[in-house]
Amino acid sequence: MRGRGRRQPGAQPGSPEPVGKLVLASASPRRADLLRAAGFDFDVRPSCVVEWPYPGGDPAEYAEALARAKADGMDGEPVVGADTIVVVDGEVFGKPDGARAASLMLHRLSGRTHEVVTAVAVRDRHGMRSGHDRARVSFRALRPAEVRAYVASGEPLDKAGAYGLQGAAAEFVTAVEGNPQTVIGLPIELLERLLADPPRGEGPGYPPAAGDVAADLS
């Protein structure tokens, strides 16, 4: 797909602004699949950033800080960093640190609706900018045996909230409000806006989050 390029949002017809080859600072095969399906040319260079514990405050700002750290810690440009978290009752779930943590997370999500926040950061010659999108996911009630079997499969151990929308956990989900790509880990529309818009400010929150502008799901 090298050289294919993409016309950026807002460009006038007949005046394409191709995006060069990206660096994806993530080992997530789901994010790579989404980029590939959207037609981007990219290299995968996983970030070595160690995700620090949630310090409190706005979960979206925390996710953006992680995404920015991942993009900033990688050579090359433009670099794309991303981070996904799950929020339930004000508690933030990242990736579980083992089978027991995964099981506890899934039991907390059982029969309830939770929020998923995915933050995306882009660092290129214009500087750094980031944003986030939100979605809400509802789970049916899970039987203990289902949770044990799913955790034993190993699938939830590298996923925020201990589940993947596109995997075996899809049968747990009864509804998704918002962009499924946000739940999977990389909302392409948000990424395209970040690539198209040079930063006009510093810090998390520029440009405004797609979820905050397009759909207030809270």
N, C-alpha and C. Protein backbone atom coordinates (compact mmCIF):
# COMPACT_ATOMS: atom_id res chain seq x y z
N MET A 1 0.82 -1.21 0.00
CA MET A 1 0.00 0.00 0.00
C MET A 1 0.86 1.26 0.00
N ARG A 2 2.16 1.12 -0.02
CA ARG A 2 3.03 2.27 0.02
C ARG A 2 2.77 3.16 -1.19
N GLY A 3 2.69 4.48 -0.94
CA GLY A 3 2.49 5.43 -2.02
C GLY A 3 1.04 5.66 -2.37
N ARG A 4 0.15 4.89 -1.78
CA ARG A 4 -1.26 5.08 -2.09
C ARG A 4 -1.76 6.43 -1.60
N GLY A 5 -1.38 6.77 -0.37
CA GLY A 5 -1.78 8.06 0.20
C GLY A 5 -3.26 8.11 0.50
N ARG A 6 -3.65 9.20 1.18
CA ARG A 6 -5.05 9.41 1.52
C ARG A 6 -5.34 10.89 1.46
N ARG A 7 -6.51 11.28 0.96
CA ARG A 7 -6.89 12.68 1.00
C ARG A 7 -7.36 13.00 2.39
N GLN A 8 -6.78 14.02 3.00
CA GLN A 8 -7.12 14.34 4.37
C GLN A 8 -8.47 15.02 4.46
N PRO A 9 -9.18 14.84 5.59
CA PRO A 9 -10.46 15.50 5.77
C PRO A 9 -10.31 17.01 5.62
N GLY A 10 -11.25 17.63 4.92
CA GLY A 10 -11.23 19.07 4.75
C GLY A 10 -10.52 19.52 3.49
N ALA A 11 -9.77 18.62 2.84
CA ALA A 11 -9.09 19.00 1.61
C ALA A 11 -10.11 19.14 0.49
N GLN A 12 -9.88 20.09 -0.41
CA GLN A 12 -10.79 20.31 -1.52
C GLN A 12 -10.62 19.20 -2.55
N PRO A 13 -11.73 18.76 -3.18
CA PRO A 13 -11.63 17.76 -4.23
C PRO A 13 -10.64 18.21 -5.29
N GLY A 14 -9.80 17.28 -5.75
CA GLY A 14 -8.81 17.62 -6.75
C GLY A 14 -7.52 18.13 -6.15
N SER A 15 -7.48 18.32 -4.83
CA SER A 15 -6.27 18.80 -4.17
C SER A 15 -5.91 17.84 -3.03
N PRO A 16 -5.52 16.62 -3.38
CA PRO A 16 -5.24 15.64 -2.34
C PRO A 16 -4.04 16.02 -1.49
N GLU A 17 -4.10 15.68 -0.23
CA GLU A 17 -2.98 15.90 0.68
C GLU A 17 -2.61 14.54 1.25
N PRO A 18 -1.73 13.81 0.56
CA PRO A 18 -1.45 12.45 1.00
C PRO A 18 -0.73 12.42 2.34
N VAL A 19 -1.06 11.42 3.13
CA VAL A 19 -0.39 11.19 4.40
C VAL A 19 0.77 10.25 4.13
N GLY A 20 1.96 10.60 4.62
CA GLY A 20 3.11 9.74 4.43
C GLY A 20 3.01 8.48 5.28
N LYS A 21 4.06 7.71 5.25
CA LYS A 21 4.08 6.47 6.00
C LYS A 21 4.08 6.77 7.49
N LEU A 22 3.19 6.12 8.22
CA LEU A 22 3.06 6.34 9.65
C LEU A 22 3.93 5.36 10.43
N VAL A 23 4.21 5.71 11.67
CA VAL A 23 4.80 4.79 12.63
C VAL A 23 3.74 4.53 13.70
N LEU A 24 3.31 3.29 13.84
CA LEU A 24 2.33 2.92 14.86
C LEU A 24 3.09 2.45 16.09
N ALA A 25 3.02 3.25 17.16
CA ALA A 25 3.76 2.94 18.39
C ALA A 25 2.93 2.02 19.28
N SER A 26 2.52 0.89 18.74
CA SER A 26 1.66 -0.05 19.46
C SER A 26 1.87 -1.45 18.91
N ALA A 27 1.87 -2.42 19.82
CA ALA A 27 1.97 -3.82 19.41
C ALA A 27 0.61 -4.45 19.15
N SER A 28 -0.46 -3.67 19.30
CA SER A 28 -1.81 -4.21 19.18
C SER A 28 -2.12 -4.62 17.74
N PRO A 29 -2.39 -5.90 17.50
CA PRO A 29 -2.78 -6.30 16.15
C PRO A 29 -4.13 -5.73 15.74
N ARG A 30 -4.99 -5.41 16.73
CA ARG A 30 -6.28 -4.81 16.38
C ARG A 30 -6.10 -3.41 15.80
N ARG A 31 -5.21 -2.62 16.40
CA ARG A 31 -4.97 -1.28 15.86
C ARG A 31 -4.34 -1.36 14.47
N ALA A 32 -3.42 -2.30 14.29
CA ALA A 32 -2.82 -2.48 12.97
C ALA A 32 -3.87 -2.88 11.94
N ASP A 33 -4.79 -3.74 12.32
CA ASP A 33 -5.85 -4.15 11.40
C ASP A 33 -6.72 -2.96 10.99
N LEU A 34 -7.05 -2.09 11.96
CA LEU A 34 -7.88 -0.93 11.65
C LEU A 34 -7.15 0.03 10.72
N LEU A 35 -5.87 0.27 10.96
CA LEU A 35 -5.09 1.14 10.06
C LEU A 35 -5.01 0.55 8.66
N ARG A 36 -4.77 -0.74 8.60
CA ARG A 36 -4.65 -1.41 7.30
C ARG A 36 -5.96 -1.34 6.53
N ALA A 37 -7.07 -1.58 7.22
CA ALA A 37 -8.38 -1.54 6.57
C ALA A 37 -8.71 -0.14 6.08
N ALA A 38 -8.18 0.89 6.76
CA ALA A 38 -8.44 2.27 6.35
C ALA A 38 -7.51 2.72 5.23
N GLY A 39 -6.56 1.88 4.83
CA GLY A 39 -5.71 2.20 3.70
C GLY A 39 -4.42 2.91 4.03
N PHE A 40 -4.05 2.97 5.29
CA PHE A 40 -2.81 3.65 5.68
C PHE A 40 -1.60 2.75 5.42
N ASP A 41 -0.49 3.40 5.08
CA ASP A 41 0.81 2.74 4.96
C ASP A 41 1.55 3.01 6.27
N PHE A 42 2.06 1.97 6.93
CA PHE A 42 2.63 2.20 8.25
C PHE A 42 3.62 1.10 8.62
N ASP A 43 4.50 1.44 9.54
CA ASP A 43 5.38 0.48 10.20
C ASP A 43 4.92 0.33 11.65
N VAL A 44 5.10 -0.85 12.20
CA VAL A 44 4.78 -1.09 13.61
C VAL A 44 6.08 -1.06 14.41
N ARG A 45 6.15 -0.14 15.37
CA ARG A 45 7.29 -0.06 16.29
C ARG A 45 6.72 0.13 17.70
N PRO A 46 6.48 -0.94 18.41
CA PRO A 46 5.83 -0.84 19.72
C PRO A 46 6.58 0.08 20.68
N SER A 47 5.85 0.88 21.38
CA SER A 47 6.42 1.77 22.38
C SER A 47 6.93 0.97 23.58
N CYS A 48 7.99 1.47 24.19
CA CYS A 48 8.53 0.85 25.41
C CYS A 48 8.03 1.55 26.67
N VAL A 49 7.11 2.49 26.51
CA VAL A 49 6.60 3.23 27.66
C VAL A 49 5.87 2.28 28.61
N VAL A 50 6.19 2.37 29.88
CA VAL A 50 5.50 1.59 30.90
C VAL A 50 4.29 2.40 31.37
N GLU A 51 3.11 1.81 31.25
CA GLU A 51 1.88 2.53 31.61
C GLU A 51 1.82 2.69 33.13
N TRP A 52 1.73 3.94 33.58
CA TRP A 52 1.68 4.21 35.01
C TRP A 52 0.25 4.09 35.52
N PRO A 53 0.07 3.84 36.81
CA PRO A 53 -1.29 3.68 37.36
C PRO A 53 -2.11 4.96 37.23
N TYR A 54 -3.41 4.77 37.14
CA TYR A 54 -4.34 5.90 37.08
C TYR A 54 -4.19 6.75 38.34
N PRO A 55 -3.88 8.05 38.20
CA PRO A 55 -3.62 8.89 39.38
C PRO A 55 -4.85 9.58 39.93
N GLY A 56 -6.01 9.35 39.32
CA GLY A 56 -7.22 10.09 39.69
C GLY A 56 -7.46 11.21 38.70
N GLY A 57 -8.60 11.87 38.84
CA GLY A 57 -8.94 12.95 37.91
C GLY A 57 -9.71 12.44 36.72
N ASP A 58 -9.62 13.17 35.61
CA ASP A 58 -10.37 12.84 34.40
C ASP A 58 -9.74 11.62 33.72
N PRO A 59 -10.46 10.51 33.58
CA PRO A 59 -9.87 9.34 32.93
C PRO A 59 -9.42 9.62 31.50
N ALA A 60 -10.14 10.48 30.78
CA ALA A 60 -9.76 10.79 29.40
C ALA A 60 -8.40 11.50 29.35
N GLU A 61 -8.14 12.39 30.30
CA GLU A 61 -6.85 13.06 30.34
C GLU A 61 -5.73 12.06 30.63
N TYR A 62 -6.02 11.10 31.48
CA TYR A 62 -5.04 10.04 31.77
C TYR A 62 -4.73 9.24 30.50
N ALA A 63 -5.77 8.85 29.75
CA ALA A 63 -5.57 8.09 28.52
C ALA A 63 -4.78 8.91 27.51
N GLU A 64 -5.08 10.21 27.40
CA GLU A 64 -4.34 11.06 26.47
C GLU A 64 -2.88 11.18 26.88
N ALA A 65 -2.62 11.31 28.17
CA ALA A 65 -1.23 11.41 28.63
C ALA A 65 -0.44 10.16 28.26
N LEU A 66 -1.07 8.99 28.39
CA LEU A 66 -0.41 7.74 28.00
C LEU A 66 -0.17 7.70 26.50
N ALA A 67 -1.17 8.09 25.71
CA ALA A 67 -1.02 8.07 24.26
C ALA A 67 0.09 9.02 23.81
N ARG A 68 0.16 10.19 24.43
CA ARG A 68 1.19 11.17 24.08
C ARG A 68 2.58 10.66 24.45
N ALA A 69 2.69 10.02 25.60
CA ALA A 69 3.98 9.47 26.01
C ALA A 69 4.45 8.39 25.03
N LYS A 70 3.53 7.58 24.56
CA LYS A 70 3.89 6.53 23.61
C LYS A 70 4.35 7.12 22.28
N ALA A 71 3.65 8.15 21.80
CA ALA A 71 4.04 8.78 20.54
C ALA A 71 5.36 9.53 20.69
N ASP A 72 5.57 10.16 21.85
CA ASP A 72 6.75 10.99 22.05
C ASP A 72 8.01 10.15 22.24
N GLY A 73 7.85 8.92 22.67
CA GLY A 73 9.01 8.09 22.95
C GLY A 73 9.48 7.27 21.76
N MET A 74 9.04 7.61 20.55
CA MET A 74 9.34 6.82 19.37
C MET A 74 10.00 7.69 18.31
N ASP A 75 11.04 7.14 17.65
CA ASP A 75 11.68 7.85 16.55
C ASP A 75 10.82 7.76 15.29
N GLY A 76 11.05 8.71 14.39
CA GLY A 76 10.32 8.73 13.13
C GLY A 76 9.13 9.66 13.20
N GLU A 77 8.55 9.94 12.02
CA GLU A 77 7.35 10.77 12.00
C GLU A 77 6.58 10.52 10.71
N PRO A 78 5.28 10.70 10.72
CA PRO A 78 4.46 10.94 11.91
C PRO A 78 4.29 9.65 12.73
N VAL A 79 4.28 9.84 14.04
CA VAL A 79 4.13 8.72 14.97
C VAL A 79 2.73 8.76 15.58
N VAL A 80 2.09 7.61 15.65
CA VAL A 80 0.75 7.49 16.23
C VAL A 80 0.84 6.67 17.51
N GLY A 81 0.41 7.27 18.62
CA GLY A 81 0.30 6.56 19.89
C GLY A 81 -1.17 6.45 20.26
N ALA A 82 -1.53 5.42 20.99
CA ALA A 82 -2.93 5.24 21.39
C ALA A 82 -3.00 4.54 22.73
N ASP A 83 -4.07 4.80 23.44
CA ASP A 83 -4.32 4.10 24.70
C ASP A 83 -5.82 3.95 24.89
N THR A 84 -6.22 2.80 25.38
CA THR A 84 -7.64 2.51 25.62
C THR A 84 -7.83 2.13 27.08
N ILE A 85 -8.86 2.70 27.69
CA ILE A 85 -9.20 2.35 29.07
C ILE A 85 -10.70 2.08 29.15
N VAL A 86 -11.07 1.35 30.18
CA VAL A 86 -12.47 1.06 30.48
C VAL A 86 -12.79 1.71 31.82
N VAL A 87 -13.95 2.37 31.89
CA VAL A 87 -14.33 3.09 33.10
C VAL A 87 -15.68 2.57 33.58
N VAL A 88 -15.74 2.15 34.84
CA VAL A 88 -17.00 1.72 35.44
C VAL A 88 -17.04 2.22 36.88
N ASP A 89 -18.09 2.95 37.21
CA ASP A 89 -18.24 3.53 38.56
C ASP A 89 -17.03 4.35 38.97
N GLY A 90 -16.43 5.06 38.01
CA GLY A 90 -15.28 5.90 38.31
C GLY A 90 -13.98 5.15 38.42
N GLU A 91 -14.02 3.83 38.34
CA GLU A 91 -12.80 3.03 38.41
C GLU A 91 -12.29 2.78 37.00
N VAL A 92 -10.98 2.92 36.81
CA VAL A 92 -10.37 2.80 35.50
C VAL A 92 -9.68 1.44 35.38
N PHE A 93 -10.02 0.72 34.31
CA PHE A 93 -9.40 -0.57 34.02
C PHE A 93 -8.53 -0.43 32.78
N GLY A 94 -7.26 -0.77 32.91
CA GLY A 94 -6.40 -0.94 31.76
C GLY A 94 -6.31 -2.41 31.44
N LYS A 95 -5.12 -2.86 31.05
CA LYS A 95 -4.92 -4.29 30.81
C LYS A 95 -4.76 -5.00 32.16
N PRO A 96 -5.35 -6.16 32.31
CA PRO A 96 -5.18 -6.90 33.56
C PRO A 96 -3.74 -7.40 33.69
N ASP A 97 -3.26 -7.51 34.92
CA ASP A 97 -1.89 -7.98 35.13
C ASP A 97 -1.83 -9.48 35.37
N GLY A 98 -2.90 -10.17 35.09
CA GLY A 98 -2.92 -11.62 35.24
C GLY A 98 -4.34 -12.15 35.18
N ALA A 99 -4.47 -13.46 35.32
CA ALA A 99 -5.78 -14.10 35.17
C ALA A 99 -6.74 -13.66 36.27
N ARG A 100 -6.26 -13.52 37.49
CA ARG A 100 -7.16 -13.13 38.58
C ARG A 100 -7.71 -11.73 38.35
N ALA A 101 -6.84 -10.80 37.94
CA ALA A 101 -7.30 -9.43 37.67
C ALA A 101 -8.30 -9.42 36.51
N ALA A 102 -8.05 -10.24 35.48
CA ALA A 102 -8.97 -10.31 34.35
C ALA A 102 -10.34 -10.81 34.80
N SER A 103 -10.35 -11.82 35.64
CA SER A 103 -11.61 -12.37 36.14
C SER A 103 -12.37 -11.33 36.95
N LEU A 104 -11.68 -10.60 37.81
CA LEU A 104 -12.33 -9.57 38.62
C LEU A 104 -12.93 -8.48 37.74
N MET A 105 -12.19 -8.07 36.71
CA MET A 105 -12.71 -7.04 35.80
C MET A 105 -13.98 -7.51 35.11
N LEU A 106 -13.96 -8.72 34.61
CA LEU A 106 -15.13 -9.24 33.88
C LEU A 106 -16.34 -9.36 34.79
N HIS A 107 -16.13 -9.78 36.03
CA HIS A 107 -17.26 -9.85 36.97
C HIS A 107 -17.81 -8.45 37.26
N ARG A 108 -16.95 -7.44 37.28
CA ARG A 108 -17.42 -6.07 37.49
C ARG A 108 -18.24 -5.57 36.30
N LEU A 109 -17.89 -6.01 35.10
CA LEU A 109 -18.59 -5.56 33.90
C LEU A 109 -19.88 -6.35 33.65
N SER A 110 -20.02 -7.49 34.26
CA SER A 110 -21.15 -8.38 34.02
C SER A 110 -22.48 -7.70 34.30
N GLY A 111 -23.38 -7.76 33.30
CA GLY A 111 -24.73 -7.23 33.46
C GLY A 111 -24.82 -5.73 33.56
N ARG A 112 -23.78 -5.02 33.13
CA ARG A 112 -23.75 -3.57 33.31
C ARG A 112 -23.30 -2.87 32.03
N THR A 113 -23.43 -1.55 32.05
CA THR A 113 -22.94 -0.71 30.96
C THR A 113 -21.72 0.05 31.47
N HIS A 114 -20.67 0.07 30.67
CA HIS A 114 -19.44 0.77 31.03
C HIS A 114 -19.00 1.68 29.89
N GLU A 115 -18.08 2.56 30.18
CA GLU A 115 -17.56 3.48 29.17
C GLU A 115 -16.17 3.03 28.72
N VAL A 116 -15.93 3.16 27.43
CA VAL A 116 -14.60 2.91 26.87
C VAL A 116 -14.08 4.24 26.32
N VAL A 117 -12.86 4.59 26.70
CA VAL A 117 -12.21 5.80 26.20
C VAL A 117 -10.95 5.38 25.46
N THR A 118 -10.84 5.79 24.21
CA THR A 118 -9.59 5.59 23.47
C THR A 118 -9.01 6.95 23.13
N ALA A 119 -7.77 7.16 23.53
CA ALA A 119 -7.04 8.38 23.22
C ALA A 119 -6.05 8.09 22.10
N VAL A 120 -5.87 9.08 21.23
CA VAL A 120 -4.93 8.97 20.12
C VAL A 120 -4.04 10.20 20.15
N ALA A 121 -2.75 10.01 19.93
CA ALA A 121 -1.81 11.12 19.85
C ALA A 121 -1.00 10.99 18.56
N VAL A 122 -0.70 12.12 17.96
CA VAL A 122 0.11 12.18 16.75
C VAL A 122 1.27 13.14 17.00
N ARG A 123 2.49 12.69 16.71
CA ARG A 123 3.65 13.57 16.76
C ARG A 123 4.29 13.58 15.39
N ASP A 124 4.43 14.79 14.81
CA ASP A 124 5.07 14.94 13.51
C ASP A 124 5.81 16.26 13.49
N ARG A 125 6.15 16.76 12.31
CA ARG A 125 6.93 18.00 12.22
C ARG A 125 6.17 19.20 12.76
N HIS A 126 4.86 19.09 12.87
CA HIS A 126 4.05 20.18 13.43
C HIS A 126 4.05 20.18 14.95
N GLY A 127 4.50 19.09 15.55
CA GLY A 127 4.46 18.98 17.00
C GLY A 127 3.58 17.82 17.44
N MET A 128 3.06 17.94 18.63
CA MET A 128 2.23 16.88 19.23
C MET A 128 0.80 17.37 19.39
N ARG A 129 -0.16 16.52 19.10
CA ARG A 129 -1.56 16.81 19.44
C ARG A 129 -2.25 15.49 19.75
N SER A 130 -3.32 15.60 20.50
CA SER A 130 -4.03 14.40 20.94
C SER A 130 -5.51 14.68 21.09
N GLY A 131 -6.28 13.65 21.15
CA GLY A 131 -7.72 13.74 21.38
C GLY A 131 -8.21 12.39 21.85
N HIS A 132 -9.49 12.31 22.13
CA HIS A 132 -10.04 11.03 22.58
C HIS A 132 -11.48 10.88 22.11
N ASP A 133 -11.94 9.66 22.10
CA ASP A 133 -13.33 9.37 21.76
C ASP A 133 -13.88 8.43 22.83
N ARG A 134 -15.18 8.50 23.02
CA ARG A 134 -15.85 7.70 24.04
C ARG A 134 -16.94 6.83 23.41
N ALA A 135 -17.13 5.67 23.97
CA ALA A 135 -18.25 4.80 23.59
C ALA A 135 -18.75 4.12 24.86
N ARG A 136 -19.96 3.59 24.78
CA ARG A 136 -20.53 2.85 25.91
C ARG A 136 -20.86 1.44 25.45
N VAL A 137 -20.53 0.49 26.29
CA VAL A 137 -20.72 -0.93 25.96
C VAL A 137 -21.53 -1.58 27.08
N SER A 138 -22.55 -2.33 26.71
CA SER A 138 -23.38 -3.05 27.68
C SER A 138 -23.10 -4.54 27.58
N PHE A 139 -22.92 -5.17 28.74
CA PHE A 139 -22.72 -6.61 28.84
C PHE A 139 -23.98 -7.27 29.39
N ARG A 140 -24.27 -8.46 28.91
CA ARG A 140 -25.28 -9.28 29.58
C ARG A 140 -24.65 -9.85 30.85
N ALA A 141 -25.47 -10.46 31.68
CA ALA A 141 -24.95 -11.12 32.87
C ALA A 141 -24.10 -12.32 32.46
N LEU A 142 -22.92 -12.42 33.03
CA LEU A 142 -22.00 -13.50 32.68
C LEU A 142 -22.03 -14.59 33.75
N ARG A 143 -22.05 -15.83 33.30
CA ARG A 143 -21.97 -16.95 34.24
C ARG A 143 -20.52 -17.15 34.68
N PRO A 144 -20.29 -17.54 35.91
CA PRO A 144 -18.92 -17.76 36.38
C PRO A 144 -18.13 -18.70 35.47
N ALA A 145 -18.79 -19.73 34.96
CA ALA A 145 -18.09 -20.68 34.09
C ALA A 145 -17.65 -20.01 32.79
N GLU A 146 -18.46 -19.07 32.29
CA GLU A 146 -18.08 -18.34 31.08
C GLU A 146 -16.84 -17.50 31.32
N VAL A 147 -16.82 -16.83 32.46
CA VAL A 147 -15.67 -16.00 32.80
C VAL A 147 -14.42 -16.86 32.92
N ARG A 148 -14.52 -17.98 33.60
CA ARG A 148 -13.36 -18.86 33.77
C ARG A 148 -12.84 -19.34 32.42
N ALA A 149 -13.75 -19.75 31.54
CA ALA A 149 -13.34 -20.26 30.23
C ALA A 149 -12.70 -19.17 29.39
N TYR A 150 -13.27 -17.97 29.44
CA TYR A 150 -12.72 -16.87 28.65
C TYR A 150 -11.34 -16.48 29.15
N VAL A 151 -11.19 -16.38 30.45
CA VAL A 151 -9.88 -16.03 31.01
C VAL A 151 -8.85 -17.12 30.68
N ALA A 152 -9.27 -18.38 30.77
CA ALA A 152 -8.35 -19.49 30.48
C ALA A 152 -7.89 -19.48 29.03
N SER A 153 -8.68 -18.89 28.14
CA SER A 153 -8.30 -18.82 26.73
C SER A 153 -7.11 -17.89 26.51
N GLY A 154 -6.85 -17.01 27.45
CA GLY A 154 -5.76 -16.05 27.31
C GLY A 154 -6.11 -14.79 26.56
N GLU A 155 -7.27 -14.78 25.91
CA GLU A 155 -7.64 -13.63 25.07
C GLU A 155 -7.71 -12.31 25.84
N PRO A 156 -8.24 -12.29 27.06
CA PRO A 156 -8.43 -11.00 27.72
C PRO A 156 -7.17 -10.39 28.32
N LEU A 157 -6.06 -11.10 28.34
CA LEU A 157 -4.92 -10.67 29.14
C LEU A 157 -4.17 -9.47 28.55
N ASP A 158 -4.35 -9.18 27.27
CA ASP A 158 -3.66 -8.03 26.67
C ASP A 158 -4.63 -6.94 26.23
N LYS A 159 -5.81 -6.91 26.85
CA LYS A 159 -6.85 -5.98 26.41
C LYS A 159 -7.37 -5.16 27.59
N ALA A 160 -7.60 -3.89 27.33
CA ALA A 160 -8.17 -3.02 28.36
C ALA A 160 -9.53 -3.54 28.79
N GLY A 161 -9.74 -3.62 30.09
CA GLY A 161 -11.01 -4.12 30.59
C GLY A 161 -11.15 -5.61 30.50
N ALA A 162 -10.10 -6.30 30.02
CA ALA A 162 -10.06 -7.76 29.95
C ALA A 162 -11.03 -8.35 28.93
N TYR A 163 -11.30 -7.62 27.85
CA TYR A 163 -12.11 -8.21 26.78
C TYR A 163 -11.83 -7.51 25.47
N GLY A 164 -12.15 -8.20 24.37
CA GLY A 164 -12.02 -7.63 23.04
C GLY A 164 -13.35 -7.73 22.32
N LEU A 165 -13.81 -6.60 21.80
CA LEU A 165 -15.10 -6.57 21.11
C LEU A 165 -15.10 -7.48 19.90
N GLN A 166 -13.96 -7.61 19.25
CA GLN A 166 -13.88 -8.36 18.00
C GLN A 166 -13.57 -9.84 18.22
N GLY A 167 -13.43 -10.26 19.48
CA GLY A 167 -13.07 -11.65 19.75
C GLY A 167 -14.23 -12.44 20.33
N ALA A 168 -13.89 -13.44 21.14
CA ALA A 168 -14.91 -14.31 21.72
C ALA A 168 -15.84 -13.56 22.66
N ALA A 169 -15.38 -12.45 23.22
CA ALA A 169 -16.23 -11.67 24.14
C ALA A 169 -17.35 -10.95 23.42
N ALA A 170 -17.36 -10.98 22.10
CA ALA A 170 -18.46 -10.32 21.38
C ALA A 170 -19.81 -10.88 21.81
N GLU A 171 -19.84 -12.14 22.23
CA GLU A 171 -21.11 -12.73 22.65
C GLU A 171 -21.56 -12.24 24.02
N PHE A 172 -20.67 -11.54 24.73
CA PHE A 172 -21.06 -10.95 26.02
C PHE A 172 -21.78 -9.62 25.83
N VAL A 173 -21.59 -9.00 24.67
CA VAL A 173 -22.02 -7.61 24.44
C VAL A 173 -23.46 -7.57 23.93
N THR A 174 -24.28 -6.75 24.57
CA THR A 174 -25.66 -6.58 24.12
C THR A 174 -25.88 -5.28 23.37
N ALA A 175 -25.01 -4.29 23.56
CA ALA A 175 -25.18 -3.01 22.87
C ALA A 175 -23.88 -2.23 22.90
N VAL A 176 -23.65 -1.47 21.81
CA VAL A 176 -22.54 -0.52 21.74
C VAL A 176 -23.10 0.82 21.31
N GLU A 177 -22.89 1.84 22.12
CA GLU A 177 -23.30 3.20 21.78
C GLU A 177 -22.04 3.98 21.44
N GLY A 178 -21.91 4.34 20.17
CA GLY A 178 -20.71 5.03 19.75
C GLY A 178 -19.98 4.25 18.67
N ASN A 179 -18.74 4.61 18.44
CA ASN A 179 -17.93 4.03 17.37
C ASN A 179 -17.30 2.72 17.83
N PRO A 180 -17.60 1.60 17.18
CA PRO A 180 -16.97 0.33 17.58
C PRO A 180 -15.44 0.38 17.51
N GLN A 181 -14.90 1.21 16.60
CA GLN A 181 -13.44 1.32 16.51
C GLN A 181 -12.85 1.88 17.80
N THR A 182 -13.61 2.71 18.50
CA THR A 182 -13.15 3.23 19.78
C THR A 182 -13.00 2.11 20.78
N VAL A 183 -13.92 1.17 20.77
CA VAL A 183 -13.87 0.02 21.68
C VAL A 183 -12.73 -0.91 21.30
N ILE A 184 -12.49 -1.07 20.01
CA ILE A 184 -11.42 -1.95 19.54
C ILE A 184 -10.05 -1.33 19.81
N GLY A 185 -9.96 0.01 19.74
CA GLY A 185 -8.70 0.63 20.13
C GLY A 185 -8.12 1.70 19.24
N LEU A 186 -8.78 2.08 18.13
CA LEU A 186 -8.24 3.14 17.29
C LEU A 186 -9.34 3.73 16.40
N PRO A 187 -10.00 4.80 16.85
CA PRO A 187 -11.02 5.45 16.02
C PRO A 187 -10.37 6.19 14.86
N ILE A 188 -10.58 5.70 13.66
CA ILE A 188 -9.88 6.23 12.48
C ILE A 188 -10.28 7.67 12.19
N GLU A 189 -11.55 8.02 12.39
CA GLU A 189 -11.98 9.40 12.13
C GLU A 189 -11.20 10.38 13.00
N LEU A 190 -11.01 10.06 14.26
CA LEU A 190 -10.23 10.92 15.15
C LEU A 190 -8.78 11.01 14.68
N LEU A 191 -8.19 9.89 14.31
CA LEU A 191 -6.82 9.89 13.80
C LEU A 191 -6.69 10.79 12.58
N GLU A 192 -7.64 10.70 11.66
CA GLU A 192 -7.58 11.52 10.45
C GLU A 192 -7.66 13.01 10.78
N ARG A 193 -8.49 13.37 11.75
CA ARG A 193 -8.57 14.78 12.15
C ARG A 193 -7.25 15.26 12.75
N LEU A 194 -6.63 14.41 13.55
CA LEU A 194 -5.36 14.78 14.15
C LEU A 194 -4.26 14.93 13.09
N LEU A 195 -4.25 14.05 12.11
CA LEU A 195 -3.27 14.14 11.04
C LEU A 195 -3.48 15.39 10.18
N ALA A 196 -4.74 15.78 10.03
CA ALA A 196 -5.06 16.91 9.15
C ALA A 196 -4.84 18.26 9.81
N ASP A 197 -4.92 18.33 11.14
CA ASP A 197 -4.93 19.62 11.84
C ASP A 197 -3.63 19.84 12.60
N PRO A 198 -2.77 20.78 12.14
CA PRO A 198 -1.58 21.12 12.92
C PRO A 198 -2.00 21.66 14.28
N PRO A 199 -1.20 21.43 15.31
CA PRO A 199 -1.58 21.88 16.65
C PRO A 199 -1.60 23.39 16.76
N ARG A 200 -2.62 23.90 17.44
CA ARG A 200 -2.71 25.33 17.71
C ARG A 200 -2.66 25.59 19.21
N GLY A 201 -2.36 24.58 19.97
CA GLY A 201 -2.27 24.72 21.42
C GLY A 201 -1.47 23.58 21.98
N GLU A 202 -1.22 23.62 23.25
CA GLU A 202 -0.42 22.59 23.91
C GLU A 202 -1.29 21.82 24.89
N GLY A 203 -0.85 20.61 25.20
CA GLY A 203 -1.50 19.83 26.24
C GLY A 203 -2.61 18.96 25.71
N PRO A 204 -3.10 18.05 26.54
CA PRO A 204 -4.18 17.16 26.14
C PRO A 204 -5.43 17.93 25.76
N GLY A 205 -6.21 17.34 24.88
CA GLY A 205 -7.51 17.91 24.58
C GLY A 205 -7.59 18.68 23.29
N TYR A 206 -6.50 18.77 22.52
CA TYR A 206 -6.58 19.42 21.21
C TYR A 206 -6.32 18.37 20.15
N PRO A 207 -7.15 18.32 19.09
CA PRO A 207 -8.41 19.04 18.96
C PRO A 207 -9.46 18.44 19.88
N PRO A 208 -10.65 19.04 19.97
CA PRO A 208 -11.67 18.50 20.87
C PRO A 208 -11.96 17.04 20.56
N ALA A 209 -12.25 16.29 21.58
CA ALA A 209 -12.50 14.86 21.40
C ALA A 209 -13.71 14.62 20.53
N ALA A 210 -13.60 13.64 19.64
CA ALA A 210 -14.72 13.31 18.76
C ALA A 210 -15.95 12.96 19.58
N GLY A 211 -15.75 12.20 20.66
CA GLY A 211 -16.88 11.81 21.49
C GLY A 211 -17.52 12.98 22.18
N ASP A 212 -16.72 14.01 22.51
CA ASP A 212 -17.28 15.19 23.17
C ASP A 212 -18.07 16.05 22.20
N VAL A 213 -17.65 16.04 20.91
CA VAL A 213 -18.30 16.89 19.92
C VAL A 213 -19.49 16.19 19.29
N ALA A 214 -19.28 14.92 18.90
CA ALA A 214 -20.29 14.25 18.09
C ALA A 214 -21.36 13.55 18.90
N ALA A 215 -21.00 13.06 20.05
CA ALA A 215 -22.00 12.27 20.80
C ALA A 215 -21.65 12.26 22.27
N ASP A 216 -22.39 12.99 23.03
CA ASP A 216 -22.21 12.98 24.48
C ASP A 216 -22.96 11.78 25.03
N LEU A 217 -22.20 10.74 25.37
CA LEU A 217 -22.81 9.48 25.76
C LEU A 217 -22.91 9.32 27.26
N SER A 218 -22.47 10.34 27.99
CA SER A 218 -22.50 10.20 29.45
C SER A 218 -23.90 10.38 29.99
